[in-house]
Amino acid sequence: MLLIREALDLHQVSGEVVVLSDGEKAIAFFDDLNQQGGEYPDLVIVDLSLPKRSGLEVLQHIRPGSVRKSAIVVLSSSGTPRDKFESERLGADMYIQKPSRLDEFLDIGAVLKALIGRRK
């Protein structure tokens, strides 16, 4: 999470960052938004390897609802075609495999900034 924040800061992507520590909390967060009519985030970043409920379960739960306003990105260490296919099938706008080099990881901020800009 620290590297994502740094990548966003480096590319001047500002805003509130909400970190949810597991898949159950993520699902509950979006359920609350749906029930209360809250404002949806511009960007949702989902890791496939979440505790309690997987990132794929989170995608399956949140994308069919009103979250279409949010850009959803899967950021995962997995490079398997199946994970990418399933993520996109479940509504992710983009699948990014976590790079191993710091400079490449920080470049993700530019990609996320461009994605947010296209959706506005």
PDB file of N, CA and C in Angstrom:
ATOM      1  N   MET A   1       0.819  -1.184   0.000  1.00  0.00           N
ATOM      2  CA  MET A   1       0.000   0.000   0.000  1.00  0.00           C
ATOM      3  C   MET A   1       0.867   1.254   0.000  1.00  0.00           C
ATOM      4  N   LEU A   2       1.979   1.195   0.698  1.00  0.00           N
ATOM      5  CA  LEU A   2       2.860   2.362   0.734  1.00  0.00           C
ATOM      6  C   LEU A   2       3.380   2.715  -0.655  1.00  0.00           C
ATOM      7  N   LEU A   3       3.717   1.714  -1.449  1.00  0.00           N
ATOM      8  CA  LEU A   3       4.212   1.980  -2.797  1.00  0.00           C
ATOM      9  C   LEU A   3       3.121   2.556  -3.698  1.00  0.00           C
ATOM     10  N   ILE A   4       1.905   2.111  -3.532  1.00  0.00           N
ATOM     11  CA  ILE A   4       0.799   2.683  -4.319  1.00  0.00           C
ATOM     12  C   ILE A   4       0.614   4.148  -3.970  1.00  0.00           C
ATOM     13  N   ARG A   5       0.620   4.445  -2.675  1.00  0.00           N
ATOM     14  CA  ARG A   5       0.501   5.856  -2.266  1.00  0.00           C
ATOM     15  C   ARG A   5       1.636   6.694  -2.840  1.00  0.00           C
ATOM     16  N   GLU A   6       2.841   6.161  -2.799  1.00  0.00           N
ATOM     17  CA  GLU A   6       3.988   6.886  -3.331  1.00  0.00           C
ATOM     18  C   GLU A   6       3.848   7.090  -4.843  1.00  0.00           C
ATOM     19  N   ALA A   7       3.388   6.065  -5.546  1.00  0.00           N
ATOM     20  CA  ALA A   7       3.192   6.172  -6.997  1.00  0.00           C
ATOM     21  C   ALA A   7       2.135   7.218  -7.331  1.00  0.00           C
ATOM     22  N   LEU A   8       1.057   7.254  -6.567  1.00  0.00           N
ATOM     23  CA  LEU A   8       0.005   8.254  -6.788  1.00  0.00           C
ATOM     24  C   LEU A   8       0.521   9.662  -6.494  1.00  0.00           C
ATOM     25  N   ASP A   9       1.243   9.813  -5.397  1.00  0.00           N
ATOM     26  CA  ASP A   9       1.815  11.121  -5.051  1.00  0.00           C
ATOM     27  C   ASP A   9       2.794  11.594  -6.115  1.00  0.00           C
ATOM     28  N   LEU A  10       3.643  10.709  -6.576  1.00  0.00           N
ATOM     29  CA  LEU A  10       4.647  11.049  -7.577  1.00  0.00           C
ATOM     30  C   LEU A  10       4.007  11.592  -8.848  1.00  0.00           C
ATOM     31  N   HIS A  11       2.845  11.069  -9.197  1.00  0.00           N
ATOM     32  CA  HIS A  11       2.166  11.477 -10.425  1.00  0.00           C
ATOM     33  C   HIS A  11       1.007  12.433 -10.151  1.00  0.00           C
ATOM     34  N   GLN A  12       1.035  13.035  -8.966  1.00  0.00           N
ATOM     35  CA  GLN A  12       0.098  14.082  -8.575  1.00  0.00           C
ATOM     36  C   GLN A  12      -1.366  13.662  -8.692  1.00  0.00           C
ATOM     37  N   VAL A  13      -1.628  12.464  -8.218  1.00  0.00           N
ATOM     38  CA  VAL A  13      -3.001  11.983  -8.112  1.00  0.00           C
ATOM     39  C   VAL A  13      -3.398  12.192  -6.657  1.00  0.00           C
ATOM     40  N   SER A  14      -4.277  13.141  -6.436  1.00  0.00           N
ATOM     41  CA  SER A  14      -4.630  13.474  -5.054  1.00  0.00           C
ATOM     42  C   SER A  14      -6.029  12.960  -4.735  1.00  0.00           C
ATOM     43  N   GLY A  15      -6.313  12.892  -3.472  1.00  0.00           N
ATOM     44  CA  GLY A  15      -7.620  12.467  -3.006  1.00  0.00           C
ATOM     45  C   GLY A  15      -7.485  11.617  -1.770  1.00  0.00           C
ATOM     46  N   GLU A  16      -8.616  11.298  -1.219  1.00  0.00           N
ATOM     47  CA  GLU A  16      -8.654  10.465  -0.023  1.00  0.00           C
ATOM     48  C   GLU A  16      -8.362   9.023  -0.410  1.00  0.00           C
ATOM     49  N   VAL A  17      -7.538   8.361   0.361  1.00  0.00           N
ATOM     50  CA  VAL A  17      -7.227   6.957   0.140  1.00  0.00           C
ATOM     51  C   VAL A  17      -7.837   6.165   1.300  1.00  0.00           C
ATOM     52  N   VAL A  18      -8.685   5.219   0.952  1.00  0.00           N
ATOM     53  CA  VAL A  18      -9.309   4.349   1.946  1.00  0.00           C
ATOM     54  C   VAL A  18      -8.701   2.966   1.757  1.00  0.00           C
ATOM     55  N   VAL A  19      -8.114   2.433   2.810  1.00  0.00           N
ATOM     56  CA  VAL A  19      -7.491   1.117   2.753  1.00  0.00           C
ATOM     57  C   VAL A  19      -8.357   0.150   3.549  1.00  0.00           C
ATOM     58  N   LEU A  20      -8.755  -0.924   2.897  1.00  0.00           N
ATOM     59  CA  LEU A  20      -9.552  -1.952   3.547  1.00  0.00           C
ATOM     60  C   LEU A  20      -8.701  -3.213   3.610  1.00  0.00           C
ATOM     61  N   SER A  21      -8.562  -3.770   4.790  1.00  0.00           N
ATOM     62  CA  SER A  21      -7.560  -4.810   5.025  1.00  0.00           C
ATOM     63  C   SER A  21      -7.942  -6.212   4.579  1.00  0.00           C
ATOM     64  N   ASP A  22      -9.212  -6.422   4.225  1.00  0.00           N
ATOM     65  CA  ASP A  22      -9.597  -7.751   3.758  1.00  0.00           C
ATOM     66  C   ASP A  22     -10.818  -7.661   2.849  1.00  0.00           C
ATOM     67  N   GLY A  23     -11.110  -8.777   2.202  1.00  0.00           N
ATOM     68  CA  GLY A  23     -12.204  -8.815   1.244  1.00  0.00           C
ATOM     69  C   GLY A  23     -13.571  -8.598   1.859  1.00  0.00           C
ATOM     70  N   GLU A  24     -13.778  -9.094   3.071  1.00  0.00           N
ATOM     71  CA  GLU A  24     -15.074  -8.885   3.738  1.00  0.00           C
ATOM     72  C   GLU A  24     -15.319  -7.405   3.992  1.00  0.00           C
ATOM     73  N   LYS A  25     -14.291  -6.679   4.422  1.00  0.00           N
ATOM     74  CA  LYS A  25     -14.440  -5.245   4.674  1.00  0.00           C
ATOM     75  C   LYS A  25     -14.705  -4.500   3.370  1.00  0.00           C
ATOM     76  N   ALA A  26     -14.082  -4.934   2.284  1.00  0.00           N
ATOM     77  CA  ALA A  26     -14.309  -4.293   0.992  1.00  0.00           C
ATOM     78  C   ALA A  26     -15.757  -4.483   0.547  1.00  0.00           C
ATOM     79  N   ILE A  27     -16.258  -5.684   0.682  1.00  0.00           N
ATOM     80  CA  ILE A  27     -17.650  -5.950   0.304  1.00  0.00           C
ATOM     81  C   ILE A  27     -18.604  -5.143   1.169  1.00  0.00           C
ATOM     82  N   ALA A  28     -18.350  -5.090   2.475  1.00  0.00           N
ATOM     83  CA  ALA A  28     -19.196  -4.309   3.382  1.00  0.00           C
ATOM     84  C   ALA A  28     -19.150  -2.823   3.030  1.00  0.00           C
ATOM     85  N   PHE A  29     -17.980  -2.313   2.664  1.00  0.00           N
ATOM     86  CA  PHE A  29     -17.822  -0.903   2.277  1.00  0.00           C
ATOM     87  C   PHE A  29     -18.738  -0.571   1.099  1.00  0.00           C
ATOM     88  N   PHE A  30     -18.721  -1.413   0.067  1.00  0.00           N
ATOM     89  CA  PHE A  30     -19.548  -1.144  -1.110  1.00  0.00           C
ATOM     90  C   PHE A  30     -21.021  -1.420  -0.854  1.00  0.00           C
ATOM     91  N   ASP A  31     -21.338  -2.374  -0.002  1.00  0.00           N
ATOM     92  CA  ASP A  31     -22.731  -2.576   0.396  1.00  0.00           C
ATOM     93  C   ASP A  31     -23.269  -1.323   1.073  1.00  0.00           C
ATOM     94  N   ASP A  32     -22.478  -0.723   1.965  1.00  0.00           N
ATOM     95  CA  ASP A  32     -22.893   0.511   2.637  1.00  0.00           C
ATOM     96  C   ASP A  32     -23.099   1.637   1.635  1.00  0.00           C
ATOM     97  N   LEU A  33     -22.195   1.774   0.677  1.00  0.00           N
ATOM     98  CA  LEU A  33     -22.366   2.808  -0.348  1.00  0.00           C
ATOM     99  C   LEU A  33     -23.659   2.604  -1.127  1.00  0.00           C
ATOM    100  N   ASN A  34     -23.929   1.372  -1.501  1.00  0.00           N
ATOM    101  CA  ASN A  34     -25.150   1.075  -2.259  1.00  0.00           C
ATOM    102  C   ASN A  34     -26.401   1.366  -1.448  1.00  0.00           C
ATOM    103  N   GLN A  35     -26.397   1.010  -0.173  1.00  0.00           N
ATOM    104  CA  GLN A  35     -27.571   1.195   0.672  1.00  0.00           C
ATOM    105  C   GLN A  35     -27.792   2.657   1.041  1.00  0.00           C
ATOM    106  N   GLN A  36     -26.707   3.395   1.255  1.00  0.00           N
ATOM    107  CA  GLN A  36     -26.827   4.774   1.714  1.00  0.00           C
ATOM    108  C   GLN A  36     -26.731   5.786   0.579  1.00  0.00           C
ATOM    109  N   GLY A  37     -26.477   5.327  -0.626  1.00  0.00           N
ATOM    110  CA  GLY A  37     -26.379   6.247  -1.756  1.00  0.00           C
ATOM    111  C   GLY A  37     -25.164   7.151  -1.678  1.00  0.00           C
ATOM    112  N   GLY A  38     -24.084   6.651  -1.115  1.00  0.00           N
ATOM    113  CA  GLY A  38     -22.871   7.450  -0.970  1.00  0.00           C
ATOM    114  C   GLY A  38     -22.153   7.666  -2.291  1.00  0.00           C
ATOM    115  N   GLU A  39     -21.133   8.501  -2.247  1.00  0.00           N
ATOM    116  CA  GLU A  39     -20.341   8.800  -3.428  1.00  0.00           C
ATOM    117  C   GLU A  39     -19.309   7.699  -3.655  1.00  0.00           C
ATOM    118  N   TYR A  40     -19.264   7.214  -4.869  1.00  0.00           N
ATOM    119  CA  TYR A  40     -18.344   6.134  -5.199  1.00  0.00           C
ATOM    120  C   TYR A  40     -16.955   6.687  -5.476  1.00  0.00           C
ATOM    121  N   PRO A  41     -15.933   5.917  -5.149  1.00  0.00           N
ATOM    122  CA  PRO A  41     -14.567   6.374  -5.407  1.00  0.00           C
ATOM    123  C   PRO A  41     -14.291   6.426  -6.911  1.00  0.00           C
ATOM    124  N   ASP A  42     -13.379   7.303  -7.288  1.00  0.00           N
ATOM    125  CA  ASP A  42     -12.962   7.371  -8.690  1.00  0.00           C
ATOM    126  C   ASP A  42     -12.193   6.125  -9.082  1.00  0.00           C
ATOM    127  N   LEU A  43     -11.471   5.566  -8.132  1.00  0.00           N
ATOM    128  CA  LEU A  43     -10.591   4.439  -8.409  1.00  0.00           C
ATOM    129  C   LEU A  43     -10.680   3.414  -7.294  1.00  0.00           C
ATOM    130  N   VAL A  44     -10.783   2.151  -7.676  1.00  0.00           N
ATOM    131  CA  VAL A  44     -10.760   1.033  -6.738  1.00  0.00           C
ATOM    132  C   VAL A  44      -9.623   0.124  -7.176  1.00  0.00           C
ATOM    133  N   ILE A  45      -8.707  -0.155  -6.271  1.00  0.00           N
ATOM    134  CA  ILE A  45      -7.612  -1.070  -6.551  1.00  0.00           C
ATOM    135  C   ILE A  45      -7.827  -2.317  -5.704  1.00  0.00           C
ATOM    136  N   VAL A  46      -7.881  -3.455  -6.371  1.00  0.00           N
ATOM    137  CA  VAL A  46      -8.150  -4.728  -5.698  1.00  0.00           C
ATOM    138  C   VAL A  46      -6.960  -5.660  -5.899  1.00  0.00           C
ATOM    139  N   ASP A  47      -6.490  -6.239  -4.803  1.00  0.00           N
ATOM    140  CA  ASP A  47      -5.469  -7.284  -4.869  1.00  0.00           C
ATOM    141  C   ASP A  47      -6.205  -8.617  -4.880  1.00  0.00           C
ATOM    142  N   LEU A  48      -5.750  -9.558  -5.670  1.00  0.00           N
ATOM    143  CA  LEU A  48      -6.411 -10.855  -5.707  1.00  0.00           C
ATOM    144  C   LEU A  48      -6.211 -11.647  -4.425  1.00  0.00           C
ATOM    145  N   SER A  49      -5.119 -11.416  -3.727  1.00  0.00           N
ATOM    146  CA  SER A  49      -4.776 -12.196  -2.530  1.00  0.00           C
ATOM    147  C   SER A  49      -5.176 -11.449  -1.264  1.00  0.00           C
ATOM    148  N   LEU A  50      -6.466 -11.315  -1.058  1.00  0.00           N
ATOM    149  CA  LEU A  50      -6.967 -10.662   0.148  1.00  0.00           C
ATOM    150  C   LEU A  50      -7.350 -11.714   1.187  1.00  0.00           C
ATOM    151  N   PRO A  51      -7.189 -11.391   2.459  1.00  0.00           N
ATOM    152  CA  PRO A  51      -7.674 -12.298   3.507  1.00  0.00           C
ATOM    153  C   PRO A  51      -9.207 -12.339   3.526  1.00  0.00           C
ATOM    154  N   LYS A  52      -9.753 -13.403   4.017  1.00  0.00           N
ATOM    155  CA  LYS A  52     -11.175 -13.640   4.268  1.00  0.00           C
ATOM    156  C   LYS A  52     -12.010 -13.839   3.001  1.00  0.00           C
ATOM    157  N   ARG A  53     -11.905 -12.949   2.036  1.00  0.00           N
ATOM    158  CA  ARG A  53     -12.583 -13.095   0.737  1.00  0.00           C
ATOM    159  C   ARG A  53     -11.586 -12.671  -0.323  1.00  0.00           C
ATOM    160  N   SER A  54     -11.473 -13.414  -1.378  1.00  0.00           N
ATOM    161  CA  SER A  54     -10.483 -13.114  -2.422  1.00  0.00           C
ATOM    162  C   SER A  54     -10.857 -11.865  -3.212  1.00  0.00           C
ATOM    163  N   GLY A  55      -9.888 -11.332  -3.910  1.00  0.00           N
ATOM    164  CA  GLY A  55     -10.140 -10.190  -4.776  1.00  0.00           C
ATOM    165  C   GLY A  55     -11.172 -10.509  -5.852  1.00  0.00           C
ATOM    166  N   LEU A  56     -11.157 -11.737  -6.354  1.00  0.00           N
ATOM    167  CA  LEU A  56     -12.161 -12.133  -7.346  1.00  0.00           C
ATOM    168  C   LEU A  56     -13.562 -12.131  -6.739  1.00  0.00           C
ATOM    169  N   GLU A  57     -13.677 -12.560  -5.484  1.00  0.00           N
ATOM    170  CA  GLU A  57     -14.983 -12.513  -4.813  1.00  0.00           C
ATOM    171  C   GLU A  57     -15.442 -11.067  -4.634  1.00  0.00           C
ATOM    172  N   VAL A  58     -14.504 -10.192  -4.310  1.00  0.00           N
ATOM    173  CA  VAL A  58     -14.843  -8.777  -4.169  1.00  0.00           C
ATOM    174  C   VAL A  58     -15.339  -8.227  -5.505  1.00  0.00           C
ATOM    175  N   LEU A  59     -14.618  -8.511  -6.576  1.00  0.00           N
ATOM    176  CA  LEU A  59     -15.045  -8.053  -7.902  1.00  0.00           C
ATOM    177  C   LEU A  59     -16.429  -8.576  -8.249  1.00  0.00           C
ATOM    178  N   GLN A  60     -16.643  -9.839  -8.004  1.00  0.00           N
ATOM    179  CA  GLN A  60     -17.925 -10.462  -8.323  1.00  0.00           C
ATOM    180  C   GLN A  60     -19.063  -9.785  -7.566  1.00  0.00           C
ATOM    181  N   HIS A  61     -18.774  -9.343  -6.369  1.00  0.00           N
ATOM    182  CA  HIS A  61     -19.802  -8.729  -5.537  1.00  0.00           C
ATOM    183  C   HIS A  61     -20.052  -7.267  -5.905  1.00  0.00           C
ATOM    184  N   ILE A  62     -18.990  -6.505  -6.153  1.00  0.00           N
ATOM    185  CA  ILE A  62     -19.185  -5.060  -6.301  1.00  0.00           C
ATOM    186  C   ILE A  62     -19.483  -4.605  -7.718  1.00  0.00           C
ATOM    187  N   ARG A  63     -18.961  -5.230  -8.736  1.00  0.00           N
ATOM    188  CA  ARG A  63     -19.100  -4.700 -10.090  1.00  0.00           C
ATOM    189  C   ARG A  63     -20.527  -4.711 -10.621  1.00  0.00           C
ATOM    190  N   PRO A  64     -21.337  -5.721 -10.345  1.00  0.00           N
ATOM    191  CA  PRO A  64     -22.687  -5.694 -10.915  1.00  0.00           C
ATOM    192  C   PRO A  64     -23.568  -4.560 -10.386  1.00  0.00           C
ATOM    193  N   GLY A  65     -23.214  -3.976  -9.257  1.00  0.00           N
ATOM    194  CA  GLY A  65     -24.025  -2.907  -8.673  1.00  0.00           C
ATOM    195  C   GLY A  65     -23.747  -1.560  -9.300  1.00  0.00           C
ATOM    196  N   SER A  66     -23.864  -0.569  -8.513  1.00  0.00           N
ATOM    197  CA  SER A  66     -23.734   0.813  -8.982  1.00  0.00           C
ATOM    198  C   SER A  66     -22.297   1.298  -9.047  1.00  0.00           C
ATOM    199  N   VAL A  67     -21.352   0.417  -8.923  1.00  0.00           N
ATOM    200  CA  VAL A  67     -19.956   0.823  -8.869  1.00  0.00           C
ATOM    201  C   VAL A  67     -19.408   1.116 -10.272  1.00  0.00           C
ATOM    202  N   ARG A  68     -20.222   1.081 -11.265  1.00  0.00           N
ATOM    203  CA  ARG A  68     -19.771   1.338 -12.632  1.00  0.00           C
ATOM    204  C   ARG A  68     -19.129   2.715 -12.765  1.00  0.00           C
ATOM    205  N   LYS A  69     -19.399   3.581 -11.828  1.00  0.00           N
ATOM    206  CA  LYS A  69     -18.797   4.917 -11.848  1.00  0.00           C
ATOM    207  C   LYS A  69     -17.316   4.880 -11.493  1.00  0.00           C
ATOM    208  N   SER A  70     -16.886   3.816 -10.865  1.00  0.00           N
ATOM    209  CA  SER A  70     -15.503   3.688 -10.414  1.00  0.00           C
ATOM    210  C   SER A  70     -14.672   2.926 -11.439  1.00  0.00           C
ATOM    211  N   ALA A  71     -13.437   3.370 -11.616  1.00  0.00           N
ATOM    212  CA  ALA A  71     -12.478   2.574 -12.377  1.00  0.00           C
ATOM    213  C   ALA A  71     -11.962   1.500 -11.430  1.00  0.00           C
ATOM    214  N   ILE A  72     -11.986   0.253 -11.872  1.00  0.00           N
ATOM    215  CA  ILE A  72     -11.541  -0.841 -11.021  1.00  0.00           C
ATOM    216  C   ILE A  72     -10.298  -1.467 -11.642  1.00  0.00           C
ATOM    217  N   VAL A  73      -9.235  -1.509 -10.834  1.00  0.00           N
ATOM    218  CA  VAL A  73      -7.955  -2.053 -11.268  1.00  0.00           C
ATOM    219  C   VAL A  73      -7.577  -3.201 -10.352  1.00  0.00           C
ATOM    220  N   VAL A  74      -7.208  -4.314 -10.946  1.00  0.00           N
ATOM    221  CA  VAL A  74      -6.650  -5.419 -10.178  1.00  0.00           C
ATOM    222  C   VAL A  74      -5.141  -5.276 -10.239  1.00  0.00           C
ATOM    223  N   LEU A  75      -4.527  -5.246  -9.070  1.00  0.00           N
ATOM    224  CA  LEU A  75      -3.074  -5.170  -8.949  1.00  0.00           C
ATOM    225  C   LEU A  75      -2.639  -6.433  -8.218  1.00  0.00           C
ATOM    226  N   SER A  76      -1.937  -7.295  -8.918  1.00  0.00           N
ATOM    227  CA  SER A  76      -1.645  -8.614  -8.361  1.00  0.00           C
ATOM    228  C   SER A  76      -0.247  -9.071  -8.726  1.00  0.00           C
ATOM    229  N   SER A  77       0.313  -9.916  -7.892  1.00  0.00           N
ATOM    230  CA  SER A  77       1.603 -10.521  -8.219  1.00  0.00           C
ATOM    231  C   SER A  77       1.433 -11.660  -9.214  1.00  0.00           C
ATOM    232  N   SER A  78       0.205 -12.108  -9.402  1.00  0.00           N
ATOM    233  CA  SER A  78      -0.068 -13.211 -10.321  1.00  0.00           C
ATOM    234  C   SER A  78       0.013 -12.753 -11.774  1.00  0.00           C
ATOM    235  N   GLY A  79       0.705 -13.526 -12.562  1.00  0.00           N
ATOM    236  CA  GLY A  79       0.789 -13.243 -13.978  1.00  0.00           C
ATOM    237  C   GLY A  79       0.071 -14.286 -14.816  1.00  0.00           C
ATOM    238  N   THR A  80      -0.760 -15.098 -14.176  1.00  0.00           N
ATOM    239  CA  THR A  80      -1.425 -16.159 -14.925  1.00  0.00           C
ATOM    240  C   THR A  80      -2.538 -15.591 -15.799  1.00  0.00           C
ATOM    241  N   PRO A  81      -2.640 -16.079 -17.022  1.00  0.00           N
ATOM    242  CA  PRO A  81      -3.699 -15.612 -17.912  1.00  0.00           C
ATOM    243  C   PRO A  81      -5.100 -15.841 -17.326  1.00  0.00           C
ATOM    244  N   ARG A  82      -5.259 -16.913 -16.573  1.00  0.00           N
ATOM    245  CA  ARG A  82      -6.579 -17.201 -15.981  1.00  0.00           C
ATOM    246  C   ARG A  82      -6.998 -16.101 -15.003  1.00  0.00           C
ATOM    247  N   ASP A  83      -6.076 -15.634 -14.152  1.00  0.00           N
ATOM    248  CA  ASP A  83      -6.411 -14.570 -13.204  1.00  0.00           C
ATOM    249  C   ASP A  83      -6.788 -13.287 -13.944  1.00  0.00           C
ATOM    250  N   LYS A  84      -6.034 -12.970 -14.993  1.00  0.00           N
ATOM    251  CA  LYS A  84      -6.339 -11.776 -15.785  1.00  0.00           C
ATOM    252  C   LYS A  84      -7.697 -11.912 -16.463  1.00  0.00           C
ATOM    253  N   PHE A  85      -7.952 -13.061 -17.071  1.00  0.00           N
ATOM    254  CA  PHE A  85      -9.227 -13.297 -17.745  1.00  0.00           C
ATOM    255  C   PHE A  85     -10.390 -13.181 -16.760  1.00  0.00           C
ATOM    256  N   GLU A  86     -10.272 -13.851 -15.607  1.00  0.00           N
ATOM    257  CA  GLU A  86     -11.352 -13.817 -14.610  1.00  0.00           C
ATOM    258  C   GLU A  86     -11.583 -12.401 -14.084  1.00  0.00           C
ATOM    259  N   SER A  87     -10.520 -11.664 -13.861  1.00  0.00           N
ATOM    260  CA  SER A  87     -10.649 -10.290 -13.373  1.00  0.00           C
ATOM    261  C   SER A  87     -11.403  -9.432 -14.382  1.00  0.00           C
ATOM    262  N   GLU A  88     -11.031  -9.536 -15.631  1.00  0.00           N
ATOM    263  CA  GLU A  88     -11.706  -8.757 -16.666  1.00  0.00           C
ATOM    264  C   GLU A  88     -13.142  -9.231 -16.871  1.00  0.00           C
ATOM    265  N   ARG A  89     -13.360 -10.532 -16.801  1.00  0.00           N
ATOM    266  CA  ARG A  89     -14.726 -11.071 -16.927  1.00  0.00           C
ATOM    267  C   ARG A  89     -15.633 -10.549 -15.822  1.00  0.00           C
ATOM    268  N   LEU A  90     -15.060 -10.358 -14.642  1.00  0.00           N
ATOM    269  CA  LEU A  90     -15.839  -9.876 -13.496  1.00  0.00           C
ATOM    270  C   LEU A  90     -15.929  -8.348 -13.438  1.00  0.00           C
ATOM    271  N   GLY A  91     -15.384  -7.666 -14.434  1.00  0.00           N
ATOM    272  CA  GLY A  91     -15.607  -6.233 -14.530  1.00  0.00           C
ATOM    273  C   GLY A  91     -14.434  -5.328 -14.263  1.00  0.00           C
ATOM    274  N   ALA A  92     -13.248  -5.869 -14.046  1.00  0.00           N
ATOM    275  CA  ALA A  92     -12.086  -4.999 -13.852  1.00  0.00           C
ATOM    276  C   ALA A  92     -11.794  -4.258 -15.153  1.00  0.00           C
ATOM    277  N   ASP A  93     -11.488  -2.992 -15.030  1.00  0.00           N
ATOM    278  CA  ASP A  93     -11.135  -2.193 -16.201  1.00  0.00           C
ATOM    279  C   ASP A  93      -9.709  -2.457 -16.646  1.00  0.00           C
ATOM    280  N   MET A  94      -8.872  -2.881 -15.702  1.00  0.00           N
ATOM    281  CA  MET A  94      -7.463  -3.083 -16.008  1.00  0.00           C
ATOM    282  C   MET A  94      -6.881  -4.105 -15.038  1.00  0.00           C
ATOM    283  N   TYR A  95      -5.927  -4.874 -15.533  1.00  0.00           N
ATOM    284  CA  TYR A  95      -5.207  -5.846 -14.716  1.00  0.00           C
ATOM    285  C   TYR A  95      -3.728  -5.489 -14.808  1.00  0.00           C
ATOM    286  N   ILE A  96      -3.109  -5.240 -13.679  1.00  0.00           N
ATOM    287  CA  ILE A  96      -1.691  -4.892 -13.648  1.00  0.00           C
ATOM    288  C   ILE A  96      -0.958  -5.904 -12.784  1.00  0.00           C
ATOM    289  N   GLN A  97       0.034  -6.538 -13.385  1.00  0.00           N
ATOM    290  CA  GLN A  97       0.883  -7.434 -12.596  1.00  0.00           C
ATOM    291  C   GLN A  97       1.915  -6.574 -11.882  1.00  0.00           C
ATOM    292  N   LYS A  98       2.057  -6.795 -10.578  1.00  0.00           N
ATOM    293  CA  LYS A  98       3.009  -6.014  -9.794  1.00  0.00           C
ATOM    294  C   LYS A  98       4.420  -6.206 -10.330  1.00  0.00           C
ATOM    295  N   PRO A  99       5.060  -5.110 -10.705  1.00  0.00           N
ATOM    296  CA  PRO A  99       6.443  -5.237 -11.182  1.00  0.00           C
ATOM    297  C   PRO A  99       7.405  -5.458 -10.020  1.00  0.00           C
ATOM    298  N   SER A 100       8.559  -6.020 -10.327  1.00  0.00           N
ATOM    299  CA  SER A 100       9.541  -6.290  -9.286  1.00  0.00           C
ATOM    300  C   SER A 100      10.489  -5.114  -9.069  1.00  0.00           C
ATOM    301  N   ARG A 101      10.589  -4.209 -10.039  1.00  0.00           N
ATOM    302  CA  ARG A 101      11.494  -3.063  -9.914  1.00  0.00           C
ATOM    303  C   ARG A 101      10.733  -1.834  -9.406  1.00  0.00           C
ATOM    304  N   LEU A 102      11.352  -1.097  -8.505  1.00  0.00           N
ATOM    305  CA  LEU A 102      10.715   0.058  -7.884  1.00  0.00           C
ATOM    306  C   LEU A 102      10.296   1.100  -8.914  1.00  0.00           C
ATOM    307  N   ASP A 103      11.162   1.437  -9.857  1.00  0.00           N
ATOM    308  CA  ASP A 103      10.817   2.469 -10.832  1.00  0.00           C
ATOM    309  C   ASP A 103       9.606   2.058 -11.672  1.00  0.00           C
ATOM    310  N   GLU A 104       9.503   0.785 -12.001  1.00  0.00           N
ATOM    311  CA  GLU A 104       8.347   0.302 -12.754  1.00  0.00           C
ATOM    312  C   GLU A 104       7.081   0.352 -11.899  1.00  0.00           C
ATOM    313  N   PHE A 105       7.222   0.052 -10.619  1.00  0.00           N
ATOM    314  CA  PHE A 105       6.062   0.115  -9.729  1.00  0.00           C
ATOM    315  C   PHE A 105       5.571   1.554  -9.612  1.00  0.00           C
ATOM    316  N   LEU A 106       6.489   2.482  -9.476  1.00  0.00           N
ATOM    317  CA  LEU A 106       6.098   3.889  -9.352  1.00  0.00           C
ATOM    318  C   LEU A 106       5.449   4.410 -10.627  1.00  0.00           C
ATOM    319  N   ASP A 107       5.797   3.843 -11.774  1.00  0.00           N
ATOM    320  CA  ASP A 107       5.170   4.234 -13.043  1.00  0.00           C
ATOM    321  C   ASP A 107       3.681   3.886 -13.086  1.00  0.00           C
ATOM    322  N   ILE A 108       3.246   2.989 -12.222  1.00  0.00           N
ATOM    323  CA  ILE A 108       1.831   2.626 -12.158  1.00  0.00           C
ATOM    324  C   ILE A 108       0.982   3.864 -11.858  1.00  0.00           C
ATOM    325  N   GLY A 109       1.534   4.815 -11.124  1.00  0.00           N
ATOM    326  CA  GLY A 109       0.797   6.046 -10.818  1.00  0.00           C
ATOM    327  C   GLY A 109       0.348   6.768 -12.073  1.00  0.00           C
ATOM    328  N   ALA A 110       1.176   6.814 -13.085  1.00  0.00           N
ATOM    329  CA  ALA A 110       0.821   7.470 -14.352  1.00  0.00           C
ATOM    330  C   ALA A 110      -0.309   6.722 -15.058  1.00  0.00           C
ATOM    331  N   VAL A 111      -0.254   5.404 -15.015  1.00  0.00           N
ATOM    332  CA  VAL A 111      -1.297   4.585 -15.639  1.00  0.00           C
ATOM    333  C   VAL A 111      -2.634   4.807 -14.937  1.00  0.00           C
ATOM    334  N   LEU A 112      -2.616   4.829 -13.605  1.00  0.00           N
ATOM    335  CA  LEU A 112      -3.841   5.041 -12.837  1.00  0.00           C
ATOM    336  C   LEU A 112      -4.400   6.443 -13.070  1.00  0.00           C
ATOM    337  N   LYS A 113      -3.527   7.424 -13.147  1.00  0.00           N
ATOM    338  CA  LYS A 113      -3.957   8.805 -13.406  1.00  0.00           C
ATOM    339  C   LYS A 113      -4.655   8.897 -14.762  1.00  0.00           C
ATOM    340  N   ALA A 114      -4.090   8.268 -15.771  1.00  0.00           N
ATOM    341  CA  ALA A 114      -4.688   8.287 -17.109  1.00  0.00           C
ATOM    342  C   ALA A 114      -6.055   7.578 -17.104  1.00  0.00           C
ATOM    343  N   LEU A 115      -6.149   6.476 -16.399  1.00  0.00           N
ATOM    344  CA  LEU A 115      -7.421   5.734 -16.325  1.00  0.00           C
ATOM    345  C   LEU A 115      -8.505   6.576 -15.667  1.00  0.00           C
ATOM    346  N   ILE A 116      -8.162   7.232 -14.576  1.00  0.00           N
ATOM    347  CA  ILE A 116      -9.126   8.092 -13.891  1.00  0.00           C
ATOM    348  C   ILE A 116      -9.555   9.221 -14.819  1.00  0.00           C
ATOM    349  N   GLY A 117      -8.601   9.816 -15.513  1.00  0.00           N
ATOM    350  CA  GLY A 117      -8.902  10.927 -16.423  1.00  0.00           C
ATOM    351  C   GLY A 117      -9.839  10.528 -17.544  1.00  0.00           C
ATOM    352  N   ARG A 118      -9.713   9.316 -18.045  1.00  0.00           N
ATOM    353  CA  ARG A 118     -10.599   8.841 -19.130  1.00  0.00           C
ATOM    354  C   ARG A 118     -12.017   8.642 -18.666  1.00  0.00           C
ATOM    355  N   ARG A 119     -12.211   8.363 -17.388  1.00  0.00           N
ATOM    356  CA  ARG A 119     -13.558   8.065 -16.878  1.00  0.00           C
ATOM    357  C   ARG A 119     -14.318   9.308 -16.463  1.00  0.00           C
ATOM    358  N   LYS A 120     -13.647  10.441 -16.397  1.00  0.00           N
ATOM    359  CA  LYS A 120     -14.347  11.670 -15.951  1.00  0.00           C
ATOM    360  C   LYS A 120     -14.962  12.393 -17.104  1.00  0.00           C
TER     361      LYS A 120
END
